[in-house]
Protein backbone atom coordinates (compact mmCIF):
# COMPACT_ATOMS: atom_id res chain seq x y z
CA MET A 1 -232.29 -22.80 -70.39
CA ASN A 2 -232.26 -26.82 -69.89
CA HIS A 3 -231.86 -28.18 -66.33
CA TYR A 4 -227.90 -28.64 -66.16
CA ALA A 5 -227.19 -24.93 -68.02
CA HIS A 6 -229.59 -23.32 -65.25
CA LEU A 7 -227.44 -25.51 -62.17
CA LEU A 8 -224.17 -24.71 -64.01
CA GLU A 9 -224.92 -20.95 -64.09
CA LEU A 10 -225.84 -21.11 -60.31
CA ILE A 11 -222.64 -23.21 -59.45
CA ARG A 12 -220.40 -20.52 -61.84
CA SER A 13 -221.72 -17.56 -60.45
CA ARG A 14 -221.48 -18.46 -56.52
CA ARG A 15 -219.10 -16.38 -54.71
CA SER A 16 -217.54 -16.24 -51.36
CA VAL A 17 -219.03 -13.15 -50.05
CA ARG A 18 -217.72 -11.16 -47.21
CA ARG A 19 -219.35 -7.82 -47.02
CA PHE A 20 -223.38 -8.10 -46.66
CA SER A 21 -225.83 -4.99 -46.69
CA ASP A 22 -228.35 -4.24 -43.81
CA ARG A 23 -231.15 -5.88 -45.37
CA ALA A 24 -232.95 -8.67 -43.24
CA VAL A 25 -233.27 -12.21 -44.60
CA SER A 26 -236.75 -13.05 -44.12
CA ARG A 27 -237.68 -16.41 -42.21
CA GLU A 28 -239.18 -17.92 -45.40
CA ASP A 29 -236.23 -17.82 -47.16
CA ILE A 30 -234.15 -19.15 -44.30
CA VAL A 31 -236.79 -22.28 -44.54
CA ARG A 32 -236.15 -22.39 -48.09
CA LEU A 33 -232.29 -22.59 -47.47
CA LEU A 34 -232.60 -25.55 -44.98
CA GLU A 35 -235.15 -27.49 -46.82
CA ALA A 36 -232.74 -27.78 -49.76
CA ALA A 37 -229.95 -28.51 -46.97
CA ARG A 38 -232.15 -31.39 -45.83
CA TRP A 39 -232.18 -33.05 -49.19
CA ALA A 40 -228.88 -33.84 -49.71
CA PRO A 41 -227.62 -37.48 -49.56
CA SER A 42 -226.22 -38.82 -46.18
CA ASN A 43 -224.35 -41.92 -45.48
CA HIS A 44 -227.09 -44.72 -44.48
CA ASN A 45 -229.65 -41.97 -44.40
CA ARG A 46 -228.63 -40.96 -40.88
CA GLN A 47 -229.00 -37.09 -41.97
CA PRO A 48 -226.70 -36.47 -39.63
CA TRP A 49 -226.78 -32.62 -39.84
CA ARG A 50 -228.11 -29.85 -37.32
CA PHE A 51 -228.39 -25.97 -37.82
CA ILE A 52 -228.08 -23.55 -35.08
CA VAL A 53 -229.56 -20.17 -36.99
CA ILE A 54 -228.41 -17.02 -35.67
CA GLU A 55 -230.15 -13.99 -36.11
CA ASP A 56 -229.37 -11.37 -33.55
CA GLN A 57 -226.44 -9.06 -35.00
CA LYS A 58 -225.38 -8.36 -31.53
CA GLN A 59 -224.97 -12.42 -30.73
CA ILE A 60 -223.07 -12.16 -34.01
CA SER A 61 -220.81 -9.45 -33.37
CA GLN A 62 -220.22 -11.11 -29.72
CA LEU A 63 -219.34 -14.29 -31.27
CA ALA A 64 -217.09 -12.82 -33.70
CA GLU A 65 -215.34 -11.02 -31.14
CA THR A 66 -215.00 -14.01 -28.80
CA ILE A 67 -213.23 -16.05 -31.93
CA SER A 68 -210.98 -13.15 -32.48
CA GLN A 69 -209.97 -13.06 -28.65
CA GLY A 70 -209.14 -16.87 -29.08
CA LEU A 71 -207.58 -16.70 -31.97
CA SER A 72 -205.26 -14.20 -30.43
CA GLU A 73 -204.27 -16.18 -27.55
CA LYS A 74 -203.59 -18.86 -29.62
CA MET A 75 -201.47 -17.56 -32.53
CA ASP A 76 -199.42 -15.22 -30.49
CA SER A 77 -197.72 -18.29 -29.26
CA LEU A 78 -196.52 -19.02 -32.65
CA PRO A 79 -193.18 -18.59 -33.90
CA ALA A 80 -192.53 -14.96 -35.43
CA VAL A 81 -192.82 -15.92 -38.90
CA ALA A 82 -196.38 -17.54 -38.71
CA ALA A 83 -197.51 -14.83 -36.40
CA GLN A 84 -197.14 -11.88 -38.43
CA TYR A 85 -200.07 -13.34 -40.45
CA THR A 86 -202.51 -13.47 -37.26
CA SER A 87 -204.24 -10.21 -38.08
CA GLN A 88 -205.19 -10.86 -41.54
CA PHE A 89 -206.14 -14.56 -40.76
CA LYS A 90 -208.29 -13.17 -37.88
CA GLN A 91 -210.03 -10.93 -40.21
CA TYR A 92 -210.99 -13.63 -42.61
CA ALA A 93 -212.32 -15.73 -39.53
CA THR A 94 -214.36 -13.03 -38.15
CA CYS A 95 -215.87 -11.49 -41.41
CA PHE A 96 -219.17 -12.73 -40.55
CA ALA A 97 -219.00 -9.99 -37.88
CA ASN A 98 -221.56 -7.67 -39.55
CA ALA A 99 -223.80 -10.45 -41.23
CA PRO A 100 -227.28 -10.47 -40.78
CA MET A 101 -227.34 -13.85 -39.97
CA LEU A 102 -225.13 -16.77 -39.17
CA VAL A 103 -225.51 -20.41 -39.69
CA VAL A 104 -223.64 -22.71 -37.33
CA VAL A 105 -223.66 -26.13 -38.99
CA LEU A 106 -222.93 -29.28 -36.73
CA HIS A 107 -222.58 -32.85 -37.62
CA LYS A 108 -223.28 -35.80 -35.18
CA GLN A 109 -220.58 -37.85 -33.83
CA PRO A 110 -220.11 -41.43 -35.04
CA VAL A 111 -222.23 -44.05 -33.29
CA ARG A 112 -220.24 -45.73 -30.74
CA VAL A 113 -220.42 -49.36 -32.13
CA SER A 114 -218.43 -48.18 -35.00
CA ALA A 115 -215.64 -46.96 -32.99
CA PRO A 116 -213.78 -50.54 -33.12
CA VAL A 117 -214.21 -50.50 -36.41
CA LEU A 118 -212.91 -47.14 -37.09
CA ALA A 119 -209.68 -47.50 -35.04
CA GLY A 120 -206.63 -46.87 -36.35
CA LEU A 121 -207.73 -45.58 -39.70
CA LYS A 122 -206.08 -42.15 -40.81
CA ASN A 123 -209.26 -40.22 -41.50
CA PRO A 124 -211.73 -42.01 -39.46
CA ASP A 125 -214.55 -39.04 -39.84
CA LEU A 126 -214.65 -39.39 -43.55
CA VAL A 127 -215.01 -43.15 -43.45
CA SER A 128 -217.76 -42.40 -41.17
CA GLY A 129 -219.45 -40.21 -43.51
CA GLU A 130 -220.78 -37.67 -41.27
CA PRO A 131 -218.50 -34.85 -41.96
CA LEU A 132 -219.15 -35.61 -45.71
CA SER A 133 -222.93 -35.65 -45.57
CA VAL A 134 -223.20 -32.71 -43.71
CA ALA A 135 -220.61 -31.12 -46.17
CA MET A 136 -223.09 -31.99 -49.12
CA ALA A 137 -225.71 -30.28 -47.03
CA VAL A 138 -223.86 -26.96 -46.85
CA GLN A 139 -223.51 -27.12 -50.63
CA ASN A 140 -227.08 -27.16 -51.45
CA LEU A 141 -227.76 -24.37 -48.85
CA LEU A 142 -224.90 -22.42 -50.92
CA LEU A 143 -226.66 -23.29 -54.29
CA ALA A 144 -229.96 -22.49 -52.64
CA ALA A 145 -228.81 -19.06 -51.71
CA GLN A 146 -227.39 -18.16 -54.75
CA ALA A 147 -230.79 -19.02 -56.39
CA LEU A 148 -232.73 -16.63 -54.18
CA ARG A 149 -229.56 -13.76 -54.56
CA LEU A 150 -228.36 -14.20 -51.25
CA GLY A 151 -224.51 -14.09 -50.46
CA THR A 152 -222.93 -16.69 -48.25
CA CYS A 153 -219.37 -17.52 -47.06
CA VAL A 154 -218.09 -20.71 -45.53
CA LEU A 155 -215.76 -20.57 -42.56
CA THR A 156 -214.05 -23.04 -41.06
CA GLY A 157 -210.89 -20.82 -39.58
CA PRO A 158 -213.34 -20.47 -36.17
CA LEU A 159 -212.87 -24.17 -35.52
CA LEU A 160 -209.07 -23.64 -34.50
CA VAL A 161 -210.97 -22.33 -31.14
CA GLN A 162 -213.80 -24.82 -31.01
CA GLU A 163 -213.50 -25.00 -26.85
CA VAL A 164 -214.41 -21.29 -27.54
CA LEU A 165 -217.38 -21.71 -29.77
CA VAL A 166 -218.47 -24.56 -27.91
CA GLY A 167 -218.73 -22.63 -24.59
CA ALA A 168 -220.28 -19.75 -26.25
CA LEU A 169 -223.09 -21.67 -28.28
CA GLY A 170 -223.65 -24.38 -25.81
CA LEU A 171 -223.75 -26.99 -28.63
CA PRO A 172 -226.56 -29.85 -28.32
CA ALA A 173 -224.48 -33.32 -26.91
CA GLY A 174 -223.46 -35.71 -29.54
CA HIS A 175 -222.66 -33.27 -32.27
CA ASP A 176 -219.52 -31.71 -33.31
CA LEU A 177 -218.65 -28.22 -35.24
CA THR A 178 -218.35 -28.74 -39.38
CA CYS A 179 -218.21 -25.13 -40.13
CA LEU A 180 -219.97 -21.62 -39.94
CA VAL A 181 -222.04 -20.16 -42.94
CA ALA A 182 -221.97 -16.44 -43.00
CA LEU A 183 -225.50 -15.43 -44.72
CA GLY A 184 -227.25 -12.17 -46.47
CA TYR A 185 -227.92 -9.97 -48.99
CA PRO A 186 -224.39 -9.32 -50.57
CA ALA A 187 -222.70 -6.01 -50.70
CA GLU A 188 -220.01 -6.70 -52.81
CA SER A 189 -219.42 -8.67 -56.35
CA PRO A 190 -216.59 -10.61 -56.12
CA ALA A 191 -214.78 -11.17 -59.42
CA PRO A 192 -214.72 -15.10 -60.34
CA PRO A 193 -211.92 -17.12 -59.16
CA ARG A 194 -209.03 -18.92 -61.45
CA ARG A 195 -210.28 -22.58 -61.96
CA LYS A 196 -207.69 -25.60 -62.92
CA THR A 197 -208.81 -26.87 -66.53
CA ILE A 198 -210.52 -30.41 -66.54
CA GLU A 199 -207.16 -31.86 -67.91
CA GLN A 200 -205.33 -30.47 -64.65
CA ILE A 201 -207.64 -32.34 -62.34
CA VAL A 202 -209.35 -35.40 -63.96
CA GLU A 203 -207.41 -38.70 -64.99
CA PHE A 204 -209.35 -40.95 -67.14
CA ARG A 205 -208.48 -44.39 -67.07
CA ASN A 206 -209.96 -46.49 -70.18
CA LYS A 207 -210.62 -50.20 -70.48
CA PRO A 208 -207.33 -51.68 -71.65
CA ARG A 209 -207.52 -52.99 -75.29
CA ARG A 210 -207.43 -56.23 -75.88
CA THR A 211 -204.68 -57.62 -77.66
CA LYS A 212 -204.82 -60.50 -80.37
CA ASP A 213 -203.18 -63.79 -79.37
């Protein structure tokens, strides 16, 4: 199997896993995942990522409960039409509760000198590059996990109660939350998700043909 075929097989076989076995992930494999993550491309090689690895099951469960309570308080104030989905949303946002390991992914805040340049832009964080760089590092981590037969699930729902997370975790100064990644040996084999075709997502813009004078 050539390099491309092997890579494509990893990409296609990766799934979002929400149920994990009790089998512990070795520190050696954790370091392997982070080694893959740190070789992601980054804007001006600033490498704005930071990873907090939580291996204590009790702490992970408590964090899930804290997020669940925070989401309840926030979503109960929504109109009834939206509030009816609170229970389902909380379930997805806290599915990491029984994972043997949780990776809290952070990105550095943009350097202050760039603030005047970014002022007024619709998506300044995307222009600064920090969240995008960290997202690429997370993808490296996910593919490395798949290669090691580990299951992963990226969660952004908990970021709806960022103030709760920051208070519970005590984040390093100058960093913002990017996402959480639940990690462990999978206890399920999700079916492949439907994907749009190449024709649905790609627009080829060919060079215009020259016309004769």
